[in-house]
Amino acid sequence: MNRIKNLLPYIVIIIVVILMRTFIITPVKVDGSSMVPTLKNNDILLLKKYDKDYKYGDIVILKYGKANLVKRIIGVPGDSVRITNGILYINEKEIEDPYSKITNNFNLSDYGYNKIPKDYYFVMGDNRTASSDSRIIGLIKKSDILGTTNFRIFPFSSIGKVK
């Protein structure tokens, strides 16, 4: 009985860690260069699984096939999206976006949508010339988004909030 009492705190810690990783927060690794300069290959971020209120500019982790991709939300349900001559337009309003300057022209209507449907999102990487994003893989279902991230834990020299 005394042995079980001694093990109980460790068992509780293990259960709490498992529950936190499953439902609240977990580390994720950036694989590739699609989010450069914001994020770099092998950066480790904290994924907030509980954050399901996605808005323009959020960095999200999404499930695509067997891979997890890191992208930025550019359009939310009900938005029209286009990039013309390096300028991003959301609902025909010019949006300040430093990464669109290097982006080829794009129009959501070219893909058969006038507006992003309910429960779908348009995502892009910050490195627009090297990103497999909604321009290639299509709109992303809300159910395929695992959560948001805005905190880097590795490399230690860059630890902190992602801007």
N, C-alpha and C. Protein backbone atom coordinates (compact mmCIF):
# COMPACT_ATOMS: atom_id res chain seq x y z
N MET A 1 0.82 -1.20 0.00
CA MET A 1 0.00 0.00 0.00
C MET A 1 0.87 1.27 0.00
N ASN A 2 1.95 1.23 0.76
CA ASN A 2 2.87 2.36 0.83
C ASN A 2 3.53 2.61 -0.52
N ARG A 3 3.78 1.55 -1.23
CA ARG A 3 4.39 1.65 -2.56
C ARG A 3 3.46 2.40 -3.54
N ILE A 4 2.18 2.10 -3.48
CA ILE A 4 1.20 2.77 -4.34
C ILE A 4 1.12 4.25 -3.99
N LYS A 5 1.15 4.58 -2.70
CA LYS A 5 1.13 5.99 -2.27
C LYS A 5 2.33 6.74 -2.84
N ASN A 6 3.48 6.11 -2.88
CA ASN A 6 4.68 6.75 -3.41
C ASN A 6 4.60 6.95 -4.92
N LEU A 7 3.94 6.05 -5.63
CA LEU A 7 3.83 6.13 -7.09
C LEU A 7 2.70 7.06 -7.55
N LEU A 8 1.73 7.29 -6.70
CA LEU A 8 0.55 8.06 -7.07
C LEU A 8 0.89 9.44 -7.67
N PRO A 9 1.78 10.24 -7.08
CA PRO A 9 2.09 11.54 -7.70
C PRO A 9 2.64 11.42 -9.12
N TYR A 10 3.44 10.41 -9.37
CA TYR A 10 4.00 10.21 -10.71
C TYR A 10 2.92 9.79 -11.70
N ILE A 11 2.02 8.96 -11.25
CA ILE A 11 0.91 8.53 -12.11
C ILE A 11 0.04 9.73 -12.47
N VAL A 12 -0.24 10.58 -11.49
CA VAL A 12 -1.04 11.79 -11.74
C VAL A 12 -0.34 12.69 -12.74
N ILE A 13 0.96 12.90 -12.58
CA ILE A 13 1.73 13.74 -13.51
C ILE A 13 1.66 13.18 -14.93
N ILE A 14 1.83 11.89 -15.08
CA ILE A 14 1.76 11.25 -16.41
C ILE A 14 0.39 11.45 -17.03
N ILE A 15 -0.66 11.27 -16.25
CA ILE A 15 -2.03 11.44 -16.77
C ILE A 15 -2.26 12.89 -17.19
N VAL A 16 -1.82 13.84 -16.37
CA VAL A 16 -1.99 15.26 -16.70
C VAL A 16 -1.25 15.61 -17.99
N VAL A 17 -0.02 15.13 -18.15
CA VAL A 17 0.76 15.40 -19.37
C VAL A 17 0.06 14.81 -20.59
N ILE A 18 -0.43 13.59 -20.47
CA ILE A 18 -1.13 12.96 -21.59
C ILE A 18 -2.38 13.75 -21.96
N LEU A 19 -3.15 14.15 -20.97
CA LEU A 19 -4.36 14.93 -21.24
C LEU A 19 -4.03 16.29 -21.86
N MET A 20 -2.99 16.95 -21.37
CA MET A 20 -2.59 18.24 -21.95
C MET A 20 -2.18 18.09 -23.41
N ARG A 21 -1.37 17.09 -23.71
CA ARG A 21 -0.92 16.89 -25.09
C ARG A 21 -2.07 16.49 -26.00
N THR A 22 -3.03 15.79 -25.48
CA THR A 22 -4.15 15.33 -26.29
C THR A 22 -5.16 16.43 -26.58
N PHE A 23 -5.44 17.27 -25.58
CA PHE A 23 -6.55 18.21 -25.72
C PHE A 23 -6.18 19.69 -25.67
N ILE A 24 -5.02 20.05 -25.15
CA ILE A 24 -4.76 21.46 -24.90
C ILE A 24 -3.61 22.01 -25.73
N ILE A 25 -2.41 21.50 -25.51
CA ILE A 25 -1.23 22.09 -26.16
C ILE A 25 -0.20 21.00 -26.42
N THR A 26 0.47 21.09 -27.57
CA THR A 26 1.48 20.10 -27.91
C THR A 26 2.53 20.74 -28.81
N PRO A 27 3.77 20.28 -28.75
CA PRO A 27 4.78 20.84 -29.65
C PRO A 27 4.61 20.31 -31.08
N VAL A 28 4.91 21.17 -32.06
CA VAL A 28 4.92 20.78 -33.46
C VAL A 28 6.18 21.33 -34.11
N LYS A 29 6.68 20.60 -35.08
CA LYS A 29 7.92 20.98 -35.77
C LYS A 29 7.61 21.48 -37.17
N VAL A 30 8.23 22.58 -37.54
CA VAL A 30 8.09 23.13 -38.89
C VAL A 30 8.95 22.29 -39.82
N ASP A 31 8.33 21.83 -40.92
CA ASP A 31 9.05 21.01 -41.89
C ASP A 31 9.00 21.71 -43.24
N GLY A 32 10.10 22.34 -43.62
CA GLY A 32 10.15 23.01 -44.91
C GLY A 32 10.30 24.51 -44.78
N SER A 33 10.25 25.17 -45.93
CA SER A 33 10.52 26.61 -45.97
C SER A 33 9.31 27.44 -46.37
N SER A 34 8.11 26.88 -46.33
CA SER A 34 6.95 27.62 -46.83
C SER A 34 6.54 28.80 -45.96
N MET A 35 7.05 28.89 -44.72
CA MET A 35 6.70 30.02 -43.85
C MET A 35 7.86 30.98 -43.61
N VAL A 36 8.96 30.82 -44.34
CA VAL A 36 10.08 31.75 -44.25
C VAL A 36 9.59 33.11 -44.76
N PRO A 37 9.90 34.22 -44.14
CA PRO A 37 10.87 34.46 -43.09
C PRO A 37 10.30 34.34 -41.67
N THR A 38 8.98 34.16 -41.53
CA THR A 38 8.37 34.11 -40.20
C THR A 38 8.86 32.91 -39.40
N LEU A 39 8.84 31.75 -40.03
CA LEU A 39 9.27 30.50 -39.39
C LEU A 39 10.27 29.82 -40.29
N LYS A 40 11.17 29.07 -39.67
CA LYS A 40 12.19 28.38 -40.44
C LYS A 40 12.08 26.87 -40.24
N ASN A 41 12.66 26.12 -41.17
CA ASN A 41 12.69 24.66 -41.08
C ASN A 41 13.24 24.25 -39.71
N ASN A 42 12.60 23.28 -39.08
CA ASN A 42 12.97 22.70 -37.78
C ASN A 42 12.63 23.58 -36.58
N ASP A 43 12.01 24.74 -36.77
CA ASP A 43 11.50 25.48 -35.61
C ASP A 43 10.49 24.58 -34.90
N ILE A 44 10.43 24.70 -33.59
CA ILE A 44 9.42 23.96 -32.83
C ILE A 44 8.49 24.97 -32.18
N LEU A 45 7.20 24.76 -32.41
CA LEU A 45 6.16 25.69 -31.96
C LEU A 45 5.22 24.98 -31.00
N LEU A 46 4.46 25.75 -30.24
CA LEU A 46 3.41 25.18 -29.40
C LEU A 46 2.07 25.33 -30.11
N LEU A 47 1.44 24.21 -30.36
CA LEU A 47 0.13 24.17 -31.01
C LEU A 47 -0.96 24.26 -29.95
N LYS A 48 -1.82 25.27 -30.09
CA LYS A 48 -2.95 25.42 -29.18
C LYS A 48 -4.14 24.70 -29.80
N LYS A 49 -4.40 23.48 -29.33
CA LYS A 49 -5.48 22.67 -29.88
C LYS A 49 -6.86 23.21 -29.52
N TYR A 50 -6.95 23.93 -28.45
CA TYR A 50 -8.23 24.43 -27.97
C TYR A 50 -8.70 25.66 -28.74
N ASP A 51 -7.82 26.32 -29.47
CA ASP A 51 -8.16 27.55 -30.18
C ASP A 51 -8.80 27.20 -31.52
N LYS A 52 -10.10 27.34 -31.61
CA LYS A 52 -10.84 26.99 -32.83
C LYS A 52 -11.54 28.19 -33.47
N ASP A 53 -11.20 29.38 -33.02
CA ASP A 53 -11.78 30.61 -33.56
C ASP A 53 -10.76 31.24 -34.50
N TYR A 54 -10.76 30.81 -35.76
CA TYR A 54 -9.71 31.21 -36.70
C TYR A 54 -10.07 32.52 -37.38
N LYS A 55 -9.05 33.39 -37.49
CA LYS A 55 -9.26 34.68 -38.14
C LYS A 55 -8.08 35.00 -39.05
N TYR A 56 -8.28 36.03 -39.87
CA TYR A 56 -7.26 36.45 -40.82
C TYR A 56 -5.93 36.68 -40.11
N GLY A 57 -4.86 36.12 -40.66
CA GLY A 57 -3.51 36.31 -40.14
C GLY A 57 -3.05 35.24 -39.17
N ASP A 58 -3.96 34.43 -38.65
CA ASP A 58 -3.56 33.37 -37.72
C ASP A 58 -2.64 32.36 -38.41
N ILE A 59 -1.64 31.90 -37.67
CA ILE A 59 -0.81 30.79 -38.14
C ILE A 59 -1.45 29.52 -37.61
N VAL A 60 -1.76 28.60 -38.52
CA VAL A 60 -2.45 27.37 -38.14
C VAL A 60 -1.64 26.14 -38.57
N ILE A 61 -1.91 25.06 -37.88
CA ILE A 61 -1.38 23.76 -38.27
C ILE A 61 -2.56 22.98 -38.82
N LEU A 62 -2.39 22.45 -40.03
CA LEU A 62 -3.49 21.70 -40.64
C LEU A 62 -3.03 20.32 -41.07
N LYS A 63 -3.97 19.43 -41.06
CA LYS A 63 -3.74 18.05 -41.48
C LYS A 63 -3.97 17.99 -42.98
N TYR A 64 -2.96 17.52 -43.71
CA TYR A 64 -3.10 17.34 -45.16
C TYR A 64 -2.49 15.99 -45.50
N GLY A 65 -3.34 15.02 -45.78
CA GLY A 65 -2.86 13.66 -45.98
C GLY A 65 -2.24 13.16 -44.69
N LYS A 66 -1.00 12.71 -44.76
CA LYS A 66 -0.30 12.24 -43.56
C LYS A 66 0.59 13.31 -42.96
N ALA A 67 0.62 14.48 -43.59
CA ALA A 67 1.50 15.55 -43.13
C ALA A 67 0.74 16.61 -42.36
N ASN A 68 1.45 17.31 -41.50
CA ASN A 68 0.94 18.52 -40.85
C ASN A 68 1.62 19.70 -41.52
N LEU A 69 0.82 20.65 -42.01
CA LEU A 69 1.35 21.83 -42.67
C LEU A 69 1.15 23.06 -41.80
N VAL A 70 2.09 23.98 -41.87
CA VAL A 70 2.00 25.24 -41.15
C VAL A 70 1.71 26.32 -42.20
N LYS A 71 0.61 27.03 -42.03
CA LYS A 71 0.20 28.06 -42.99
C LYS A 71 -0.44 29.23 -42.25
N ARG A 72 -0.69 30.29 -42.99
CA ARG A 72 -1.35 31.49 -42.45
C ARG A 72 -2.74 31.59 -43.06
N ILE A 73 -3.72 31.91 -42.25
CA ILE A 73 -5.09 32.11 -42.75
C ILE A 73 -5.14 33.44 -43.48
N ILE A 74 -5.57 33.36 -44.73
CA ILE A 74 -5.70 34.54 -45.58
C ILE A 74 -7.17 34.90 -45.77
N GLY A 75 -8.03 33.89 -45.86
CA GLY A 75 -9.45 34.13 -46.06
C GLY A 75 -10.29 33.23 -45.18
N VAL A 76 -11.38 33.79 -44.65
CA VAL A 76 -12.30 33.06 -43.78
C VAL A 76 -13.63 32.88 -44.51
N PRO A 77 -14.53 32.06 -43.97
CA PRO A 77 -15.81 31.86 -44.65
C PRO A 77 -16.52 33.17 -44.97
N GLY A 78 -17.00 33.26 -46.20
CA GLY A 78 -17.70 34.46 -46.67
C GLY A 78 -16.82 35.44 -47.40
N ASP A 79 -15.50 35.25 -47.34
CA ASP A 79 -14.57 36.17 -48.01
C ASP A 79 -14.39 35.83 -49.48
N SER A 80 -14.14 36.86 -50.28
CA SER A 80 -13.59 36.67 -51.62
C SER A 80 -12.11 37.02 -51.51
N VAL A 81 -11.27 36.31 -52.27
CA VAL A 81 -9.82 36.50 -52.17
C VAL A 81 -9.23 36.61 -53.56
N ARG A 82 -8.37 37.61 -53.74
CA ARG A 82 -7.61 37.68 -54.97
C ARG A 82 -6.31 38.42 -54.71
N ILE A 83 -5.33 38.12 -55.54
CA ILE A 83 -4.06 38.84 -55.53
C ILE A 83 -3.83 39.32 -56.95
N THR A 84 -3.68 40.62 -57.10
CA THR A 84 -3.47 41.22 -58.41
C THR A 84 -2.28 42.17 -58.32
N ASN A 85 -1.29 41.92 -59.19
CA ASN A 85 -0.09 42.75 -59.23
C ASN A 85 0.55 42.92 -57.85
N GLY A 86 0.61 41.83 -57.09
CA GLY A 86 1.27 41.86 -55.80
C GLY A 86 0.47 42.48 -54.67
N ILE A 87 -0.81 42.74 -54.90
CA ILE A 87 -1.67 43.33 -53.87
C ILE A 87 -2.76 42.33 -53.51
N LEU A 88 -2.92 42.08 -52.20
CA LEU A 88 -3.95 41.18 -51.70
C LEU A 88 -5.25 41.94 -51.50
N TYR A 89 -6.33 41.37 -52.03
CA TYR A 89 -7.66 41.95 -51.85
C TYR A 89 -8.54 40.92 -51.16
N ILE A 90 -9.13 41.33 -50.05
CA ILE A 90 -10.13 40.51 -49.36
C ILE A 90 -11.43 41.28 -49.46
N ASN A 91 -12.44 40.65 -50.07
CA ASN A 91 -13.74 41.31 -50.29
C ASN A 91 -13.56 42.64 -51.00
N GLU A 92 -12.64 42.62 -51.99
CA GLU A 92 -12.33 43.78 -52.85
C GLU A 92 -11.70 44.94 -52.09
N LYS A 93 -11.28 44.72 -50.85
CA LYS A 93 -10.59 45.75 -50.08
C LYS A 93 -9.11 45.40 -50.04
N GLU A 94 -8.26 46.38 -50.35
CA GLU A 94 -6.82 46.16 -50.34
C GLU A 94 -6.35 45.91 -48.90
N ILE A 95 -5.59 44.82 -48.73
CA ILE A 95 -5.10 44.42 -47.41
C ILE A 95 -3.57 44.53 -47.40
N GLU A 96 -3.03 45.11 -46.34
CA GLU A 96 -1.58 45.20 -46.18
C GLU A 96 -1.04 43.79 -45.93
N ASP A 97 -0.24 43.29 -46.84
CA ASP A 97 0.31 41.95 -46.74
C ASP A 97 1.69 41.95 -47.41
N PRO A 98 2.76 41.95 -46.62
CA PRO A 98 4.10 42.07 -47.20
C PRO A 98 4.50 40.89 -48.09
N TYR A 99 3.86 39.76 -47.94
CA TYR A 99 4.26 38.57 -48.69
C TYR A 99 3.60 38.49 -50.07
N SER A 100 2.54 39.25 -50.30
CA SER A 100 1.84 39.21 -51.58
C SER A 100 2.62 39.87 -52.70
N LYS A 101 3.59 40.71 -52.35
CA LYS A 101 4.37 41.41 -53.37
C LYS A 101 5.10 40.44 -54.30
N ILE A 102 5.38 39.24 -53.81
CA ILE A 102 6.10 38.25 -54.63
C ILE A 102 5.18 37.14 -55.13
N THR A 103 3.87 37.36 -55.02
CA THR A 103 2.90 36.33 -55.35
C THR A 103 2.33 36.54 -56.74
N ASN A 104 2.22 35.46 -57.49
CA ASN A 104 1.58 35.54 -58.81
C ASN A 104 0.11 35.90 -58.64
N ASN A 105 -0.46 36.46 -59.68
CA ASN A 105 -1.88 36.79 -59.65
C ASN A 105 -2.69 35.55 -59.33
N PHE A 106 -3.74 35.75 -58.54
CA PHE A 106 -4.60 34.65 -58.12
C PHE A 106 -5.99 35.21 -57.88
N ASN A 107 -6.99 34.41 -58.23
CA ASN A 107 -8.37 34.81 -57.94
C ASN A 107 -9.14 33.57 -57.53
N LEU A 108 -9.80 33.64 -56.40
CA LEU A 108 -10.59 32.52 -55.89
C LEU A 108 -11.63 32.07 -56.92
N SER A 109 -12.15 32.99 -57.69
CA SER A 109 -13.18 32.65 -58.68
C SER A 109 -12.62 31.73 -59.78
N ASP A 110 -11.29 31.76 -59.99
CA ASP A 110 -10.69 30.85 -60.96
C ASP A 110 -10.82 29.39 -60.53
N TYR A 111 -11.09 29.17 -59.25
CA TYR A 111 -11.23 27.83 -58.70
C TYR A 111 -12.70 27.44 -58.47
N GLY A 112 -13.61 28.27 -59.00
CA GLY A 112 -15.03 27.95 -58.94
C GLY A 112 -15.76 28.49 -57.72
N TYR A 113 -15.14 29.38 -56.97
CA TYR A 113 -15.79 29.96 -55.79
C TYR A 113 -15.82 31.48 -55.92
N ASN A 114 -16.97 32.07 -55.63
CA ASN A 114 -17.02 33.52 -55.51
C ASN A 114 -16.64 33.95 -54.10
N LYS A 115 -17.04 33.12 -53.14
CA LYS A 115 -16.73 33.37 -51.74
C LYS A 115 -16.35 32.04 -51.09
N ILE A 116 -15.58 32.13 -50.02
CA ILE A 116 -15.18 30.93 -49.30
C ILE A 116 -16.41 30.38 -48.58
N PRO A 117 -16.73 29.09 -48.81
CA PRO A 117 -17.92 28.50 -48.17
C PRO A 117 -17.79 28.38 -46.65
N LYS A 118 -18.91 28.19 -46.00
CA LYS A 118 -18.96 27.98 -44.55
C LYS A 118 -18.04 26.81 -44.17
N ASP A 119 -17.31 26.97 -43.07
CA ASP A 119 -16.42 25.94 -42.52
C ASP A 119 -15.21 25.64 -43.40
N TYR A 120 -14.85 26.57 -44.28
CA TYR A 120 -13.64 26.43 -45.10
C TYR A 120 -12.78 27.69 -44.95
N TYR A 121 -11.48 27.51 -45.19
CA TYR A 121 -10.52 28.61 -45.06
C TYR A 121 -9.55 28.59 -46.24
N PHE A 122 -9.05 29.77 -46.56
CA PHE A 122 -8.02 29.92 -47.59
C PHE A 122 -6.72 30.22 -46.85
N VAL A 123 -5.69 29.37 -47.07
CA VAL A 123 -4.42 29.51 -46.36
C VAL A 123 -3.27 29.64 -47.35
N MET A 124 -2.23 30.35 -46.91
CA MET A 124 -1.02 30.47 -47.72
C MET A 124 0.19 30.47 -46.79
N GLY A 125 1.32 30.04 -47.34
CA GLY A 125 2.57 30.18 -46.62
C GLY A 125 3.12 31.58 -46.85
N ASP A 126 3.97 32.05 -45.93
CA ASP A 126 4.55 33.38 -46.10
C ASP A 126 5.58 33.41 -47.22
N ASN A 127 6.20 32.28 -47.49
CA ASN A 127 7.15 32.16 -48.61
C ASN A 127 6.34 31.73 -49.83
N ARG A 128 5.66 32.68 -50.43
CA ARG A 128 4.66 32.38 -51.46
C ARG A 128 5.21 31.65 -52.69
N THR A 129 6.50 31.81 -52.97
CA THR A 129 7.06 31.14 -54.15
C THR A 129 7.39 29.68 -53.86
N ALA A 130 7.37 29.26 -52.59
CA ALA A 130 7.73 27.88 -52.24
C ALA A 130 6.72 27.27 -51.29
N SER A 131 5.44 27.56 -51.49
CA SER A 131 4.43 27.08 -50.57
C SER A 131 3.34 26.31 -51.30
N SER A 132 3.09 25.09 -50.85
CA SER A 132 1.93 24.33 -51.30
C SER A 132 0.79 24.73 -50.38
N ASP A 133 -0.07 25.60 -50.88
CA ASP A 133 -1.13 26.14 -50.04
C ASP A 133 -2.45 26.08 -50.79
N SER A 134 -3.41 26.87 -50.39
CA SER A 134 -4.75 26.80 -50.99
C SER A 134 -4.75 27.07 -52.49
N ARG A 135 -3.72 27.73 -52.99
CA ARG A 135 -3.64 27.93 -54.45
C ARG A 135 -3.41 26.61 -55.15
N ILE A 136 -2.86 25.63 -54.44
CA ILE A 136 -2.55 24.32 -55.02
C ILE A 136 -3.44 23.23 -54.46
N ILE A 137 -3.59 23.20 -53.13
CA ILE A 137 -4.32 22.10 -52.49
C ILE A 137 -5.79 22.41 -52.25
N GLY A 138 -6.19 23.64 -52.54
CA GLY A 138 -7.60 24.01 -52.39
C GLY A 138 -7.92 24.57 -51.02
N LEU A 139 -9.20 24.85 -50.84
CA LEU A 139 -9.66 25.38 -49.56
C LEU A 139 -9.51 24.32 -48.48
N ILE A 140 -9.35 24.76 -47.26
CA ILE A 140 -9.10 23.86 -46.14
C ILE A 140 -10.35 23.78 -45.26
N LYS A 141 -10.79 22.56 -44.96
CA LYS A 141 -11.93 22.37 -44.07
C LYS A 141 -11.53 22.74 -42.65
N LYS A 142 -12.46 23.33 -41.94
CA LYS A 142 -12.20 23.68 -40.54
C LYS A 142 -11.80 22.44 -39.74
N SER A 143 -12.41 21.32 -40.04
CA SER A 143 -12.11 20.09 -39.31
C SER A 143 -10.69 19.58 -39.55
N ASP A 144 -10.03 20.07 -40.61
CA ASP A 144 -8.64 19.67 -40.88
C ASP A 144 -7.62 20.59 -40.20
N ILE A 145 -8.09 21.66 -39.57
CA ILE A 145 -7.19 22.55 -38.84
C ILE A 145 -7.07 22.04 -37.41
N LEU A 146 -5.84 21.78 -36.99
CA LEU A 146 -5.60 21.21 -35.67
C LEU A 146 -5.58 22.28 -34.58
N GLY A 147 -5.31 23.53 -34.95
CA GLY A 147 -5.27 24.62 -33.98
C GLY A 147 -4.35 25.72 -34.47
N THR A 148 -4.13 26.70 -33.61
CA THR A 148 -3.28 27.84 -33.95
C THR A 148 -1.96 27.75 -33.20
N THR A 149 -1.00 28.52 -33.69
CA THR A 149 0.29 28.61 -33.00
C THR A 149 0.81 30.03 -33.12
N ASN A 150 1.42 30.49 -32.06
CA ASN A 150 2.06 31.81 -32.11
C ASN A 150 3.23 31.89 -31.12
N PHE A 151 3.72 30.71 -30.69
CA PHE A 151 4.82 30.70 -29.73
C PHE A 151 5.86 29.67 -30.15
N ARG A 152 7.10 30.14 -30.30
CA ARG A 152 8.22 29.27 -30.71
C ARG A 152 8.99 28.88 -29.45
N ILE A 153 9.32 27.57 -29.33
CA ILE A 153 10.11 27.12 -28.19
C ILE A 153 11.51 26.66 -28.59
N PHE A 154 11.75 26.53 -29.91
CA PHE A 154 13.08 26.16 -30.40
C PHE A 154 13.25 26.73 -31.80
N PRO A 155 14.40 27.27 -32.14
CA PRO A 155 15.65 27.30 -31.39
C PRO A 155 15.54 28.26 -30.19
N PHE A 156 16.33 27.98 -29.17
CA PHE A 156 16.27 28.77 -27.95
C PHE A 156 16.60 30.23 -28.19
N SER A 157 17.41 30.52 -29.20
CA SER A 157 17.76 31.91 -29.51
C SER A 157 16.56 32.70 -30.03
N SER A 158 15.52 32.01 -30.47
CA SER A 158 14.31 32.67 -31.00
C SER A 158 13.07 32.37 -30.19
N ILE A 159 13.25 31.89 -28.97
CA ILE A 159 12.10 31.53 -28.15
C ILE A 159 11.23 32.75 -27.90
N GLY A 160 9.92 32.53 -27.95
CA GLY A 160 8.98 33.62 -27.68
C GLY A 160 7.87 33.68 -28.70
N LYS A 161 7.09 34.72 -28.59
CA LYS A 161 5.93 34.92 -29.45
C LYS A 161 6.37 35.16 -30.89
N VAL A 162 5.70 34.51 -31.83
CA VAL A 162 5.96 34.67 -33.25
C VAL A 162 5.22 35.90 -33.73
N LYS A 163 5.91 36.77 -34.46
CA LYS A 163 5.27 38.00 -34.93
C LYS A 163 4.76 37.84 -36.33
